[in-house]
């Protein structure tokens, strides 16, 4: 099994574990810390999250440039580039520390009226630790990016998985022995230092990557930042895309409406995470193909192959959510959150096609043509938010999500035209070969799923039984009527079935 496939599997396992363990641990953490202490932990954590944006898109930049230098067999250029990146990260870390110091001495003004003296004392301690954490985590992430550029996906993703499991186990122990919010922050920092060291050893000893500054020229810096700044912009846009609705609803409606909307958005973005787990591995492949002068047919075939795999995964999740999502949300949060199911479902339906086109996005990044997408996305979010404001009064949270999703739909439509005109991708062939057959079979699966939904009973056991039966039916029908001969051979090879 290739590094790409193993990396994708590990990414999906990571997503499942993160979500499941997160759902289990969150109530335990709140109970152990208490509402006030947990609120303090969440407050400082969310505040520090904005410092993490100072990565400036350099991780994706590293992946793209390392893959480019490897395709060109330019080891000297690669070593020089990585040395420059470390210098840039050093400057970023220094800036974070300076801003952190200034912010530290103004925390009294920022939170003084909302926190007690004891809470403010703890907040300052956590803030100092977390600033140090961010200062080392940003450059530390470069080692994972280098591994990805080398198309070494297994070790860094296995390390992330092990890191999360260790963190979860130790966290439970710490809280059982009376740990507080400061203890959690210290734990996270220690584990980060440990695994940054592990990833550095892998890059240094296993991959034998060199860091040597030969020439700090303006052309290289300009090329790096002309690429990374737009990746950075897209990261900010992606974060703000769904948060904007909560800001509007908070101003025009009430906190209950915001909570329901937030849960729907969270479930919708989980759906996207399953696709991104695979798409995040594609940039080195796209870069390598482009700089190795792959033919248009080779690129189109790869585009279709990845699109098919992604769509099968997404349709499995989408079908289950259409059929049994309402029951899940009711069991999990209660009937008051039924609207969250609708919001999440609308998000899933609109983003399904864009998620299958992740390889086209990787080609955009590889060719350093991401600027158009960034500007287009920003325009779409702005327009969608404005439209949502007009719809909120009459339609509430549904009006907000309709506005945002209309902007997203329009931007993706224009982006597809860009794929056709500029990247010369055969989008019509892509849609035909990826969607037509799979969508017809998927419709049959949905009909069968409706019959499964008639199973009498209620509660979690009933829900799990339906999902289990649905999963078996989806897998059998997909294998026999969706998956082509080439994909079947890959599956048989990977699970070691002798024909």
Foldseek 3Di string as FASTA:
>chain_A
DALLVLLLVLLVVLLVCCVVLVLVCPVVQCVLAPVVQVVLLVVLVVVLVVLLLLLLQLLLLLLLVLLQCVLVVPQVVNQQLVLVSVVVLLVSLVVLVVVLVVVLVCLCVVCVVPDDPVSNVLSSLLSVLVSVLSSPLSVLSNLQSNCLSVSNRNVVSVLVSVLVVVLSVVVVVCSVVRHGSSVNSVSVSVSSVVSSVVSVCCCCPVVVRHHDNDDPDPVSVCVSNLQSNLSSLVVVLVVVLLVLLLVLCVVVPNPLLSVLSVLLVVLLVSLLSSLCSSLVSQLSVLLSCVSNVPDLVVLLVVLLVQLQVLLLVSLLVLLLLVLCVLQVCCQSPRNSNSVSSVLSNVSSVLCSNVSSRSNLVSNCSSVSVSNVLSVLSVVLSVQLQVQLSVQCVPPNSVSSSVSSSVSVNVSVVVVVVCCCPPVVHPVVVSCVSRPDQVVVLSVVLSVVLNVLSPPDDGDDVSSVVSSVVSVVVSVVSCLVRPDDPVRVVVVCVVVVPDD
